[in-house]
Amino acid sequence: MPVPCYDRNKERCYELARIAAAKLIENPSLIEEGRKYLERHVKSDPAQKPYYVLWLRLLERPPEEIASRLLADSVEGSLLRDTRPVFHIPSQAERNEARKRVRRHLS
C-alpha cells in the first residue's frame, strides 16, 4: 500500500525505496553495499551519526524486515527513506517506471 504523500518528491522517494526494497529481498548481498556506503559517506559526519547508528543496527536484520521498515507508513519509515544508504542504483528504465507511478498516483 503506497504511503500517502502530499508532494511529488515524497512520492518519488517512496517509489525509489520500493525498488531498493525489492532488490534487497531479491539479492540480500546488497546489504553489504549499504554498509560500505555508510562507512564511506556517513560514518565520519557527526551530523549524520544518529542515522548511521540507526542504519547500522537495521542492516543486522533480515532483508525482509529491512524492506518492510523502509516502506512502512510511519515516521520511522519516512526517516529511513530520507536517510537510506545506496544499495542499488536504479536503471533509467526503473526510474522512468517510478516516475510513471508517481504521475498516475498524483493525477
N, C-alpha and C. Protein backbone atom coordinates (compact mmCIF):
# COMPACT_ATOMS: atom_id res chain seq x y z
N MET A 1 0.85 -1.18 0.00
CA MET A 1 0.00 0.00 0.00
C MET A 1 0.89 1.24 0.00
N PRO A 2 0.73 2.11 -0.97
CA PRO A 2 1.58 3.30 -1.02
C PRO A 2 1.36 4.21 0.19
N VAL A 3 2.43 4.81 0.61
CA VAL A 3 2.37 5.78 1.70
C VAL A 3 1.68 7.03 1.17
N PRO A 4 0.70 7.57 1.91
CA PRO A 4 0.08 8.81 1.45
C PRO A 4 1.11 9.93 1.44
N CYS A 5 1.33 10.48 0.30
CA CYS A 5 2.31 11.55 0.16
C CYS A 5 1.62 12.78 -0.36
N TYR A 6 2.06 13.92 0.07
CA TYR A 6 1.41 15.16 -0.31
C TYR A 6 2.23 15.97 -1.28
N ASP A 7 3.37 15.45 -1.66
CA ASP A 7 4.13 16.13 -2.69
C ASP A 7 4.85 15.10 -3.56
N ARG A 8 5.20 15.54 -4.73
CA ARG A 8 5.81 14.67 -5.72
C ARG A 8 7.15 14.11 -5.24
N ASN A 9 7.93 14.90 -4.53
CA ASN A 9 9.24 14.43 -4.07
C ASN A 9 9.12 13.28 -3.07
N LYS A 10 8.19 13.38 -2.13
CA LYS A 10 7.99 12.30 -1.16
C LYS A 10 7.50 11.05 -1.85
N GLU A 11 6.59 11.22 -2.79
CA GLU A 11 6.06 10.08 -3.54
C GLU A 11 7.18 9.42 -4.35
N ARG A 12 8.00 10.22 -4.98
CA ARG A 12 9.12 9.68 -5.78
C ARG A 12 10.11 8.95 -4.87
N CYS A 13 10.38 9.50 -3.71
CA CYS A 13 11.27 8.87 -2.74
C CYS A 13 10.72 7.49 -2.34
N TYR A 14 9.41 7.42 -2.14
CA TYR A 14 8.78 6.15 -1.79
C TYR A 14 8.94 5.15 -2.93
N GLU A 15 8.68 5.59 -4.15
CA GLU A 15 8.78 4.68 -5.29
C GLU A 15 10.20 4.17 -5.48
N LEU A 16 11.19 5.02 -5.29
CA LEU A 16 12.59 4.57 -5.39
C LEU A 16 12.94 3.63 -4.24
N ALA A 17 12.36 3.85 -3.08
CA ALA A 17 12.57 2.94 -1.94
C ALA A 17 11.94 1.58 -2.23
N ARG A 18 10.82 1.57 -2.94
CA ARG A 18 10.21 0.29 -3.33
C ARG A 18 11.16 -0.52 -4.19
N ILE A 19 11.84 0.16 -5.10
CA ILE A 19 12.81 -0.54 -5.95
C ILE A 19 13.94 -1.11 -5.08
N ALA A 20 14.48 -0.28 -4.20
CA ALA A 20 15.58 -0.73 -3.33
C ALA A 20 15.13 -1.89 -2.44
N ALA A 21 13.92 -1.82 -1.89
CA ALA A 21 13.41 -2.88 -1.02
C ALA A 21 13.29 -4.20 -1.79
N ALA A 22 12.76 -4.14 -2.99
CA ALA A 22 12.63 -5.35 -3.81
C ALA A 22 13.99 -5.95 -4.13
N LYS A 23 14.96 -5.09 -4.45
CA LYS A 23 16.31 -5.56 -4.77
C LYS A 23 16.97 -6.20 -3.55
N LEU A 24 16.75 -5.64 -2.35
CA LEU A 24 17.32 -6.22 -1.13
C LEU A 24 16.78 -7.63 -0.88
N ILE A 25 15.49 -7.80 -1.10
CA ILE A 25 14.89 -9.12 -0.89
C ILE A 25 15.38 -10.10 -1.95
N GLU A 26 15.48 -9.61 -3.17
CA GLU A 26 15.94 -10.44 -4.29
C GLU A 26 17.42 -10.81 -4.15
N ASN A 27 18.22 -9.89 -3.61
CA ASN A 27 19.65 -10.09 -3.53
C ASN A 27 20.18 -9.56 -2.18
N PRO A 28 20.08 -10.37 -1.12
CA PRO A 28 20.49 -9.91 0.22
C PRO A 28 21.94 -9.46 0.31
N SER A 29 22.79 -9.85 -0.64
CA SER A 29 24.18 -9.40 -0.59
C SER A 29 24.29 -7.88 -0.77
N LEU A 30 23.22 -7.24 -1.24
CA LEU A 30 23.22 -5.78 -1.37
C LEU A 30 23.28 -5.07 -0.02
N ILE A 31 22.94 -5.79 1.04
CA ILE A 31 23.04 -5.20 2.38
C ILE A 31 24.48 -4.75 2.62
N GLU A 32 25.42 -5.54 2.14
CA GLU A 32 26.83 -5.18 2.30
C GLU A 32 27.16 -3.89 1.55
N GLU A 33 26.53 -3.66 0.41
CA GLU A 33 26.73 -2.41 -0.32
C GLU A 33 26.24 -1.23 0.52
N GLY A 34 25.13 -1.41 1.22
CA GLY A 34 24.63 -0.37 2.11
C GLY A 34 25.60 -0.07 3.23
N ARG A 35 26.18 -1.13 3.80
CA ARG A 35 27.18 -0.94 4.87
C ARG A 35 28.40 -0.17 4.35
N LYS A 36 28.87 -0.55 3.18
CA LYS A 36 30.02 0.14 2.59
C LYS A 36 29.72 1.62 2.36
N TYR A 37 28.51 1.89 1.88
CA TYR A 37 28.10 3.28 1.66
C TYR A 37 28.12 4.06 2.98
N LEU A 38 27.56 3.46 4.03
CA LEU A 38 27.55 4.12 5.34
C LEU A 38 28.97 4.42 5.82
N GLU A 39 29.86 3.46 5.65
CA GLU A 39 31.25 3.64 6.09
C GLU A 39 31.94 4.76 5.32
N ARG A 40 31.72 4.80 4.01
CA ARG A 40 32.40 5.80 3.18
C ARG A 40 31.81 7.19 3.30
N HIS A 41 30.48 7.30 3.40
CA HIS A 41 29.84 8.60 3.24
C HIS A 41 29.12 9.14 4.48
N VAL A 42 28.87 8.32 5.46
CA VAL A 42 28.04 8.77 6.59
C VAL A 42 28.79 8.72 7.92
N LYS A 43 29.58 7.71 8.13
CA LYS A 43 30.23 7.47 9.42
C LYS A 43 31.00 8.68 9.96
N SER A 44 31.74 9.35 9.10
CA SER A 44 32.62 10.43 9.58
C SER A 44 31.92 11.78 9.76
N ASP A 45 30.64 11.86 9.40
CA ASP A 45 29.90 13.12 9.52
C ASP A 45 29.15 13.15 10.85
N PRO A 46 29.59 13.97 11.80
CA PRO A 46 28.93 14.00 13.11
C PRO A 46 27.44 14.31 13.05
N ALA A 47 27.02 15.10 12.07
CA ALA A 47 25.60 15.44 11.95
C ALA A 47 24.76 14.23 11.54
N GLN A 48 25.40 13.24 10.95
CA GLN A 48 24.66 12.07 10.47
C GLN A 48 24.80 10.85 11.40
N LYS A 49 25.47 11.04 12.53
CA LYS A 49 25.71 9.91 13.44
C LYS A 49 24.42 9.16 13.84
N PRO A 50 23.32 9.86 14.16
CA PRO A 50 22.12 9.12 14.53
C PRO A 50 21.61 8.22 13.40
N TYR A 51 21.74 8.69 12.17
CA TYR A 51 21.27 7.91 11.02
C TYR A 51 22.23 6.75 10.75
N TYR A 52 23.49 7.00 10.94
CA TYR A 52 24.50 5.94 10.79
C TYR A 52 24.20 4.80 11.75
N VAL A 53 23.98 5.14 13.02
CA VAL A 53 23.69 4.13 14.04
C VAL A 53 22.37 3.42 13.74
N LEU A 54 21.35 4.17 13.37
CA LEU A 54 20.05 3.59 13.04
C LEU A 54 20.19 2.56 11.92
N TRP A 55 20.86 2.96 10.85
CA TRP A 55 21.01 2.06 9.70
C TRP A 55 21.94 0.89 10.01
N LEU A 56 23.00 1.13 10.74
CA LEU A 56 23.92 0.04 11.08
C LEU A 56 23.17 -1.07 11.83
N ARG A 57 22.34 -0.67 12.77
CA ARG A 57 21.54 -1.65 13.53
C ARG A 57 20.52 -2.35 12.62
N LEU A 58 19.86 -1.57 11.78
CA LEU A 58 18.84 -2.15 10.90
C LEU A 58 19.45 -3.14 9.92
N LEU A 59 20.66 -2.87 9.46
CA LEU A 59 21.30 -3.76 8.48
C LEU A 59 21.71 -5.11 9.07
N GLU A 60 21.55 -5.26 10.38
CA GLU A 60 21.77 -6.56 11.03
C GLU A 60 20.54 -7.46 10.92
N ARG A 61 19.42 -6.88 10.52
CA ARG A 61 18.15 -7.60 10.45
C ARG A 61 18.02 -8.31 9.09
N PRO A 62 17.08 -9.24 8.96
CA PRO A 62 16.85 -9.91 7.68
C PRO A 62 16.37 -8.92 6.61
N PRO A 63 16.66 -9.20 5.34
CA PRO A 63 16.28 -8.27 4.27
C PRO A 63 14.78 -7.97 4.22
N GLU A 64 13.97 -8.94 4.55
CA GLU A 64 12.51 -8.71 4.54
C GLU A 64 12.10 -7.68 5.58
N GLU A 65 12.74 -7.72 6.73
CA GLU A 65 12.43 -6.74 7.77
C GLU A 65 12.93 -5.35 7.38
N ILE A 66 14.12 -5.30 6.79
CA ILE A 66 14.66 -4.02 6.33
C ILE A 66 13.69 -3.40 5.32
N ALA A 67 13.25 -4.21 4.36
CA ALA A 67 12.33 -3.73 3.32
C ALA A 67 11.01 -3.27 3.93
N SER A 68 10.49 -4.04 4.85
CA SER A 68 9.21 -3.70 5.48
C SER A 68 9.30 -2.38 6.24
N ARG A 69 10.35 -2.21 6.99
CA ARG A 69 10.50 -0.97 7.77
C ARG A 69 10.78 0.22 6.86
N LEU A 70 11.52 0.01 5.78
CA LEU A 70 11.80 1.08 4.82
C LEU A 70 10.52 1.58 4.16
N LEU A 71 9.57 0.69 3.93
CA LEU A 71 8.33 1.06 3.24
C LEU A 71 7.17 1.34 4.18
N ALA A 72 7.41 1.28 5.47
CA ALA A 72 6.33 1.47 6.45
C ALA A 72 5.73 2.87 6.37
N ASP A 73 4.43 2.90 6.55
CA ASP A 73 3.69 4.18 6.61
C ASP A 73 3.79 4.68 8.05
N SER A 74 4.97 5.20 8.38
CA SER A 74 5.25 5.63 9.75
C SER A 74 6.32 6.72 9.71
N VAL A 75 6.52 7.33 10.87
CA VAL A 75 7.58 8.33 10.99
C VAL A 75 8.93 7.66 10.74
N GLU A 76 9.11 6.46 11.32
CA GLU A 76 10.37 5.75 11.11
C GLU A 76 10.57 5.44 9.62
N GLY A 77 9.52 4.95 8.95
CA GLY A 77 9.63 4.63 7.53
C GLY A 77 10.05 5.84 6.71
N SER A 78 9.44 6.98 7.00
CA SER A 78 9.79 8.21 6.29
C SER A 78 11.24 8.60 6.55
N LEU A 79 11.68 8.48 7.79
CA LEU A 79 13.07 8.79 8.13
C LEU A 79 14.03 7.84 7.41
N LEU A 80 13.69 6.56 7.39
CA LEU A 80 14.55 5.59 6.71
C LEU A 80 14.64 5.89 5.21
N ARG A 81 13.52 6.26 4.61
CA ARG A 81 13.55 6.60 3.18
C ARG A 81 14.40 7.83 2.92
N ASP A 82 14.33 8.79 3.83
CA ASP A 82 15.10 10.03 3.65
C ASP A 82 16.59 9.86 3.90
N THR A 83 16.98 8.82 4.63
CA THR A 83 18.38 8.65 5.02
C THR A 83 19.00 7.35 4.50
N ARG A 84 18.30 6.65 3.65
CA ARG A 84 18.77 5.32 3.27
C ARG A 84 20.09 5.36 2.51
N PRO A 85 20.93 4.37 2.81
CA PRO A 85 22.17 4.25 2.06
C PRO A 85 21.87 3.72 0.65
N VAL A 86 22.85 3.80 -0.21
CA VAL A 86 22.68 3.30 -1.57
C VAL A 86 22.95 1.80 -1.56
N PHE A 87 21.91 1.04 -1.87
CA PHE A 87 22.04 -0.41 -2.02
C PHE A 87 22.13 -0.77 -3.49
N HIS A 88 21.40 -0.02 -4.28
CA HIS A 88 21.24 -0.32 -5.69
C HIS A 88 21.00 1.00 -6.41
N ILE A 89 21.67 1.18 -7.54
CA ILE A 89 21.43 2.37 -8.35
C ILE A 89 20.41 1.99 -9.41
N PRO A 90 19.21 2.57 -9.33
CA PRO A 90 18.15 2.19 -10.29
C PRO A 90 18.56 2.53 -11.73
N SER A 91 18.19 1.63 -12.62
CA SER A 91 18.43 1.88 -14.04
C SER A 91 17.51 3.01 -14.50
N GLN A 92 17.79 3.53 -15.68
CA GLN A 92 16.93 4.58 -16.23
C GLN A 92 15.51 4.05 -16.41
N ALA A 93 15.37 2.80 -16.83
CA ALA A 93 14.05 2.21 -17.01
C ALA A 93 13.31 2.13 -15.67
N GLU A 94 14.01 1.75 -14.60
CA GLU A 94 13.38 1.70 -13.28
C GLU A 94 12.96 3.09 -12.82
N ARG A 95 13.80 4.08 -13.07
CA ARG A 95 13.46 5.47 -12.70
C ARG A 95 12.25 5.96 -13.49
N ASN A 96 12.22 5.65 -14.76
CA ASN A 96 11.08 6.06 -15.60
C ASN A 96 9.79 5.43 -15.10
N GLU A 97 9.85 4.16 -14.74
CA GLU A 97 8.65 3.47 -14.23
C GLU A 97 8.21 4.09 -12.91
N ALA A 98 9.16 4.44 -12.04
CA ALA A 98 8.83 5.09 -10.77
C ALA A 98 8.15 6.43 -11.04
N ARG A 99 8.66 7.21 -12.00
CA ARG A 99 8.03 8.50 -12.35
C ARG A 99 6.61 8.30 -12.84
N LYS A 100 6.40 7.27 -13.65
CA LYS A 100 5.04 6.99 -14.16
C LYS A 100 4.09 6.67 -13.02
N ARG A 101 4.56 5.87 -12.06
CA ARG A 101 3.70 5.53 -10.91
C ARG A 101 3.35 6.77 -10.11
N VAL A 102 4.31 7.68 -9.95
CA VAL A 102 4.06 8.93 -9.22
C VAL A 102 3.02 9.75 -9.96
N ARG A 103 3.20 9.90 -11.26
CA ARG A 103 2.24 10.70 -12.06
C ARG A 103 0.84 10.11 -11.97
N ARG A 104 0.73 8.78 -12.08
CA ARG A 104 -0.59 8.14 -12.01
C ARG A 104 -1.22 8.36 -10.64
N HIS A 105 -0.40 8.23 -9.60
CA HIS A 105 -0.91 8.36 -8.23
C HIS A 105 -1.35 9.79 -7.92
N LEU A 106 -0.62 10.75 -8.43
CA LEU A 106 -0.92 12.15 -8.11
C LEU A 106 -1.89 12.80 -9.09
N SER A 107 -2.28 12.06 -10.12
CA SER A 107 -3.21 12.64 -11.11
C SER A 107 -4.63 12.70 -10.58
